[in-house]
Amino acid sequence: MSALRPHLFLLLVVMIFSGNILVGKALGDLPPFTISLGRVAIALLVVLPLGWHQARRDWPVFRRHWRPLLGLALTGVTFFNALIYAALKFTLPTNVAILESLVPVATLLASVLLLGERFRPLQWLGVGVSLAGAVVVITAGEGATLSPGGINPGDLIMGLAVLVWVGYSLLIKQHMARFPRYGGLLVMLAIANLTLMPIALWEGAWQVVPRLSAAEWAGLGYLGIFPSVVALLLYSSALGDLGPTRAAIYLNLLPVFTMLGAWWWLGDTILAVQVVGSLVVIGGVWCTLAPPPRRAYGAGRSV
């Protein structure tokens, strides 16, 4: 059972992330930054008892490394999900999920360009295949309003969200180990609340929030508790058991869960181009994240 636990955790993580997209679409009548503010405000209340002691204890660390901390807060905690909710105003949940599943490929590609890491030929093939699948989905132009150029603006916004998450991933790689898990998350959530509050007020949150229905409060509660806290804890636990590469492969299932959820819960039609595009993206990501083949015993050691 202990061997299966990280795999079960990752399946739950993908289901929760899929729920983040579907609930964000269901809350489509609310402004996107208001949704995001509600999410991080609820998450702040949940994490407060977990991270308060660590935040007080390590406050000198936060002050000394405030620049990467601010970068982590603005990318991964503040604007990534806000852009997802903005994209959902224009495009289908399945499209968002397919583009979000490109995150591992985009992160590895950025590591090559910015950090000098090297790809094997199979990984370059995976990058090309994944991008081709994304292009198929973006240029399909079905199910939402198109811009004059024939491309869905929601897909473009989601592409920007992927780039924001790539920045977050690179910052995590270089700086996250400096900060305590719960205390660091608490401080980043506080920064996210301070950043999003004026934007949400400009959107009209002061008029929207008093009129929220019970269902909308329940949706915000889901976003604040499960994707923001529970999925993070489950993913961190699985990451320690399986490693980042094997854990990231599970993100390939995000389009599948989201497509089925959008069909069952939101009544969306599953388009053939979405099925083809998601399969192409999944295949490309698998090639990109595939571990290198083991050398035969005695064939020598890598330097």
Protein backbone atom coordinates (compact mmCIF):
# COMPACT_ATOMS: atom_id res chain seq x y z
CA MET A 1 0.00 0.00 0.00
CA SER A 2 2.88 2.38 0.76
CA ALA A 3 4.19 1.88 -2.80
CA LEU A 4 0.80 2.81 -4.26
CA ARG A 5 0.30 5.84 -2.02
CA PRO A 6 2.27 8.41 -4.07
CA HIS A 7 0.49 7.30 -7.25
CA LEU A 8 -2.91 7.65 -5.58
CA PHE A 9 -1.87 11.07 -4.27
CA LEU A 10 -0.93 12.21 -7.78
CA LEU A 11 -4.22 10.99 -9.22
CA LEU A 12 -6.01 13.05 -6.56
CA VAL A 13 -3.82 16.05 -7.42
CA VAL A 14 -4.77 15.83 -11.09
CA MET A 15 -8.44 15.50 -10.18
CA ILE A 16 -8.19 18.57 -7.93
CA PHE A 17 -6.39 20.60 -10.62
CA SER A 18 -9.06 19.56 -13.09
CA GLY A 19 -11.66 20.73 -10.58
CA ASN A 20 -9.86 24.06 -10.39
CA ILE A 21 -10.50 24.58 -14.11
CA LEU A 22 -14.08 23.32 -14.03
CA VAL A 23 -15.07 25.36 -10.96
CA GLY A 24 -13.37 28.40 -12.47
CA LYS A 25 -15.53 27.94 -15.56
CA ALA A 26 -18.66 27.46 -13.44
CA LEU A 27 -17.89 30.77 -11.69
CA GLY A 28 -17.68 32.45 -15.09
CA ASP A 29 -20.12 35.20 -14.08
CA LEU A 30 -17.58 36.53 -11.58
CA PRO A 31 -14.61 38.70 -12.63
CA PRO A 32 -11.38 36.62 -12.86
CA PHE A 33 -9.30 38.61 -10.38
CA THR A 34 -12.18 38.60 -7.92
CA ILE A 35 -12.25 34.79 -8.16
CA SER A 36 -8.50 34.68 -7.62
CA LEU A 37 -8.70 37.02 -4.62
CA GLY A 38 -11.41 34.88 -3.05
CA ARG A 39 -9.25 31.82 -3.59
CA VAL A 40 -6.09 33.21 -1.97
CA ALA A 41 -8.03 34.86 0.87
CA ILE A 42 -9.59 31.53 1.86
CA ALA A 43 -6.26 29.75 1.40
CA LEU A 44 -4.60 32.33 3.68
CA LEU A 45 -7.08 31.53 6.46
CA VAL A 46 -6.46 27.78 6.03
CA VAL A 47 -2.65 28.06 6.03
CA LEU A 48 -2.45 30.67 8.82
CA PRO A 49 -2.45 28.18 11.75
CA LEU A 50 -0.03 25.89 9.87
CA GLY A 51 2.53 28.51 8.88
CA TRP A 52 2.37 31.28 11.48
CA HIS A 53 5.12 29.87 13.71
CA GLN A 54 7.45 29.18 10.78
CA ALA A 55 6.82 32.64 9.30
CA ARG A 56 7.70 34.36 12.59
CA ARG A 57 10.74 32.15 13.17
CA ASP A 58 12.20 32.62 9.69
CA TRP A 59 11.25 36.26 9.12
CA PRO A 60 14.96 37.27 8.73
CA VAL A 61 15.21 34.73 5.87
CA PHE A 62 12.21 36.28 4.14
CA ARG A 63 13.67 39.78 4.50
CA ARG A 64 17.08 38.70 3.20
CA HIS A 65 15.66 36.89 0.14
CA TRP A 66 12.64 39.10 -0.52
CA ARG A 67 13.24 39.39 -4.28
CA PRO A 68 12.88 35.67 -5.14
CA LEU A 69 10.08 35.40 -2.57
CA LEU A 70 8.22 38.21 -4.31
CA GLY A 71 8.80 36.54 -7.68
CA LEU A 72 7.43 33.23 -6.40
CA ALA A 73 4.38 34.94 -4.93
CA LEU A 74 3.56 36.97 -8.04
CA THR A 75 4.02 34.13 -10.53
CA GLY A 76 2.78 30.88 -8.99
CA VAL A 77 0.39 32.16 -6.33
CA THR A 78 -0.99 35.42 -7.73
CA PHE A 79 -1.18 35.61 -11.50
CA PHE A 80 -1.05 32.02 -12.79
CA ASN A 81 -4.53 31.10 -11.59
CA ALA A 82 -5.88 34.60 -12.23
CA LEU A 83 -4.87 34.15 -15.88
CA ILE A 84 -6.53 30.71 -15.94
CA TYR A 85 -9.81 32.23 -14.77
CA ALA A 86 -9.43 35.04 -17.32
CA ALA A 87 -8.78 32.50 -20.10
CA LEU A 88 -11.92 30.57 -19.13
CA LYS A 89 -13.98 33.64 -20.03
CA PHE A 90 -13.19 32.97 -23.70
CA THR A 91 -12.20 29.35 -24.18
CA LEU A 92 -13.25 25.84 -23.20
CA PRO A 93 -12.03 24.10 -20.01
CA THR A 94 -10.54 21.30 -22.12
CA ASN A 95 -8.42 23.77 -24.09
CA VAL A 96 -7.15 25.27 -20.83
CA ALA A 97 -6.27 21.80 -19.52
CA ILE A 98 -4.45 20.81 -22.73
CA LEU A 99 -2.38 23.99 -22.66
CA GLU A 100 -1.71 23.65 -18.93
CA SER A 101 -0.37 20.13 -19.52
CA LEU A 102 2.39 21.77 -21.60
CA VAL A 103 3.92 23.18 -18.41
CA PRO A 104 6.54 20.40 -17.96
CA VAL A 105 7.66 20.75 -21.60
CA ALA A 106 7.82 24.54 -21.42
CA THR A 107 9.77 24.37 -18.16
CA LEU A 108 12.34 21.98 -19.59
CA LEU A 109 12.66 24.13 -22.71
CA ALA A 110 13.25 27.23 -20.57
CA SER A 111 15.88 25.30 -18.60
CA VAL A 112 17.73 24.66 -21.86
CA LEU A 113 17.54 28.29 -23.02
CA LEU A 114 18.18 30.02 -19.69
CA LEU A 115 20.09 27.53 -17.52
CA GLY A 116 22.13 25.71 -20.15
CA GLU A 117 20.65 22.26 -19.57
CA ARG A 118 20.92 19.77 -22.43
CA PHE A 119 18.20 17.75 -24.19
CA ARG A 120 18.44 14.31 -25.72
CA PRO A 121 17.05 13.86 -29.28
CA LEU A 122 13.92 12.13 -27.94
CA GLN A 123 13.23 15.14 -25.72
CA TRP A 124 13.53 17.56 -28.65
CA LEU A 125 11.07 15.35 -30.54
CA GLY A 126 8.73 15.52 -27.55
CA VAL A 127 8.90 19.31 -27.47
CA GLY A 128 8.03 19.53 -31.16
CA VAL A 129 5.16 17.04 -30.90
CA SER A 130 3.70 18.76 -27.82
CA LEU A 131 3.81 22.18 -29.43
CA ALA A 132 2.19 20.74 -32.57
CA GLY A 133 -0.66 19.36 -30.46
CA ALA A 134 -1.13 22.71 -28.78
CA VAL A 135 -1.23 24.46 -32.17
CA VAL A 136 -3.94 22.03 -33.31
CA VAL A 137 -6.08 22.95 -30.31
CA ILE A 138 -5.42 26.71 -30.51
CA THR A 139 -6.16 27.02 -34.22
CA ALA A 140 -9.26 24.81 -34.13
CA GLY A 141 -11.37 27.84 -33.26
CA GLU A 142 -14.45 26.00 -32.01
CA GLY A 143 -16.56 26.54 -28.91
CA ALA A 144 -15.68 30.15 -28.08
CA THR A 145 -15.29 33.65 -29.43
CA LEU A 146 -12.36 34.22 -31.77
CA SER A 147 -10.17 37.25 -32.17
CA PRO A 148 -9.99 38.90 -35.63
CA GLY A 149 -6.92 36.79 -36.43
CA GLY A 150 -8.89 33.58 -35.95
CA ILE A 151 -7.26 32.60 -32.66
CA ASN A 152 -9.16 32.28 -29.42
CA PRO A 153 -8.01 35.04 -27.02
CA GLY A 154 -8.54 32.64 -24.12
CA ASP A 155 -5.93 30.29 -25.58
CA LEU A 156 -3.51 33.21 -25.88
CA ILE A 157 -4.13 34.17 -22.25
CA MET A 158 -3.55 30.55 -21.24
CA GLY A 159 -0.28 30.56 -23.17
CA LEU A 160 0.77 33.56 -21.09
CA ALA A 161 -0.25 31.63 -17.94
CA VAL A 162 2.04 28.77 -18.98
CA LEU A 163 4.95 31.21 -19.35
CA VAL A 164 4.17 32.64 -15.90
CA TRP A 165 4.28 29.14 -14.41
CA VAL A 166 7.58 28.47 -16.17
CA GLY A 167 9.01 31.49 -14.37
CA TYR A 168 7.62 30.14 -11.10
CA SER A 169 9.16 26.70 -11.76
CA LEU A 170 12.59 28.19 -12.43
CA LEU A 171 12.38 30.26 -9.25
CA ILE A 172 11.37 27.17 -7.28
CA LYS A 173 14.34 25.30 -8.65
CA GLN A 174 16.77 27.99 -7.52
CA HIS A 175 15.23 29.50 -4.38
CA MET A 176 12.35 27.55 -2.82
CA ALA A 177 14.62 25.46 -0.57
CA ARG A 178 15.48 28.63 1.37
CA PHE A 179 11.97 29.01 2.74
CA PRO A 180 9.98 26.82 5.19
CA ARG A 181 7.11 25.00 3.51
CA TYR A 182 4.12 26.39 5.41
CA GLY A 183 5.66 29.67 6.48
CA GLY A 184 6.79 30.43 2.94
CA LEU A 185 3.36 29.61 1.54
CA LEU A 186 1.73 31.83 4.17
CA VAL A 187 3.91 34.82 3.27
CA MET A 188 3.34 34.27 -0.45
CA LEU A 189 -0.41 34.10 0.09
CA ALA A 190 -0.25 37.36 2.05
CA ILE A 191 1.60 38.99 -0.87
CA ALA A 192 -0.96 37.58 -3.31
CA ASN A 193 -3.84 39.04 -1.29
CA LEU A 194 -2.22 42.49 -1.16
CA THR A 195 -1.52 42.38 -4.92
CA LEU A 196 -4.92 41.14 -6.01
CA MET A 197 -7.03 43.31 -3.73
CA PRO A 198 -6.71 46.60 -5.66
CA ILE A 199 -7.16 44.80 -9.00
CA ALA A 200 -10.28 43.00 -7.73
CA LEU A 201 -11.67 46.25 -6.33
CA TRP A 202 -11.10 47.88 -9.71
CA GLU A 203 -13.07 44.97 -11.26
CA GLY A 204 -15.94 45.77 -8.92
CA ALA A 205 -15.44 43.11 -6.25
CA TRP A 206 -16.94 45.44 -3.65
CA GLN A 207 -20.24 45.14 -5.53
CA VAL A 208 -19.94 41.45 -6.47
CA VAL A 209 -18.98 39.87 -3.13
CA PRO A 210 -22.10 40.93 -1.15
CA ARG A 211 -24.29 39.32 -3.84
CA LEU A 212 -22.52 35.95 -3.96
CA SER A 213 -24.82 32.94 -3.82
CA ALA A 214 -24.25 29.90 -1.61
CA ALA A 215 -23.08 27.92 -4.65
CA GLU A 216 -20.54 30.61 -5.55
CA TRP A 217 -19.20 30.69 -1.99
CA ALA A 218 -18.91 26.89 -2.14
CA GLY A 219 -16.98 27.17 -5.39
CA LEU A 220 -14.59 29.73 -3.91
CA GLY A 221 -14.19 27.49 -0.87
CA TYR A 222 -13.18 24.60 -3.11
CA LEU A 223 -10.62 26.76 -4.93
CA GLY A 224 -9.17 28.08 -1.67
CA ILE A 225 -8.88 24.74 0.11
CA PHE A 226 -8.25 21.99 -2.40
CA PRO A 227 -6.08 23.34 -5.28
CA SER A 228 -4.34 25.86 -3.02
CA VAL A 229 -3.58 23.70 0.02
CA VAL A 230 -4.58 20.02 -0.20
CA ALA A 231 -3.14 19.43 -3.70
CA LEU A 232 0.09 21.17 -2.68
CA LEU A 233 0.56 18.86 0.33
CA LEU A 234 -0.27 15.73 -1.67
CA TYR A 235 2.04 16.72 -4.52
CA SER A 236 4.92 17.51 -2.16
CA SER A 237 4.54 14.12 -0.49
CA ALA A 238 4.46 12.26 -3.83
CA LEU A 239 7.38 14.31 -5.13
CA GLY A 240 9.55 13.08 -2.29
CA ASP A 241 8.73 9.44 -3.11
CA LEU A 242 8.83 9.50 -6.93
CA GLY A 243 10.98 12.49 -7.91
CA PRO A 244 9.96 15.48 -10.05
CA THR A 245 10.13 13.81 -13.46
CA ARG A 246 7.92 10.82 -12.66
CA ALA A 247 5.50 13.02 -10.74
CA ALA A 248 5.20 15.50 -13.63
CA ILE A 249 4.08 12.73 -16.00
CA TYR A 250 0.77 12.57 -14.14
CA LEU A 251 -0.04 16.08 -15.38
CA ASN A 252 -0.58 14.43 -18.77
CA LEU A 253 -3.90 13.17 -17.41
CA LEU A 254 -5.19 16.70 -16.78
CA PRO A 255 -6.87 17.07 -20.22
CA VAL A 256 -8.55 13.68 -19.83
CA PHE A 257 -10.07 14.45 -16.42
CA THR A 258 -11.06 17.96 -17.50
CA MET A 259 -12.61 16.81 -20.78
CA LEU A 260 -14.73 14.19 -19.00
CA GLY A 261 -15.64 16.60 -16.21
CA ALA A 262 -16.67 19.32 -18.66
CA TRP A 263 -18.84 16.81 -20.53
CA TRP A 264 -20.47 15.36 -17.41
CA TRP A 265 -20.80 18.46 -15.22
CA LEU A 266 -20.93 21.44 -17.60
CA GLY A 267 -22.57 19.73 -20.56
CA ASP A 268 -19.73 20.58 -22.97
CA THR A 269 -19.35 18.62 -26.21
CA ILE A 270 -16.14 16.65 -26.61
CA LEU A 271 -14.68 17.70 -29.96
CA ALA A 272 -12.61 15.35 -32.08
CA VAL A 273 -9.89 17.98 -32.43
CA GLN A 274 -9.62 18.19 -28.64
CA VAL A 275 -9.18 14.44 -28.36
CA VAL A 276 -6.51 14.43 -31.08
CA GLY A 277 -4.76 17.48 -29.67
CA SER A 278 -4.69 16.12 -26.13
CA LEU A 279 -3.31 12.76 -27.30
CA VAL A 280 -0.59 14.51 -29.28
CA VAL A 281 0.33 16.72 -26.33
CA ILE A 282 0.37 13.74 -23.95
CA GLY A 283 2.62 11.80 -26.31
CA GLY A 284 4.98 14.73 -26.67
CA VAL A 285 5.19 15.33 -22.93
CA TRP A 286 5.86 11.64 -22.35
CA CYS A 287 8.77 11.76 -24.82
CA THR A 288 10.12 14.91 -23.18
CA LEU A 289 9.99 13.49 -19.64
CA ALA A 290 11.05 9.94 -20.50
CA PRO A 291 14.15 8.95 -18.47
CA PRO A 292 17.33 8.16 -20.42
CA PRO A 293 17.93 4.47 -21.14
CA ARG A 294 20.11 2.66 -18.63
CA ARG A 295 23.52 1.66 -19.85
CA ALA A 296 24.46 -1.97 -19.86
CA TYR A 297 26.57 -3.07 -16.91
CA GLY A 298 30.23 -2.47 -17.57
CA ALA A 299 29.63 -0.09 -20.47
CA GLY A 300 31.21 2.76 -18.56
CA ARG A 301 30.07 5.64 -16.41
CA SER A 302 28.80 9.05 -17.33
CA VAL A 303 30.91 11.93 -16.17
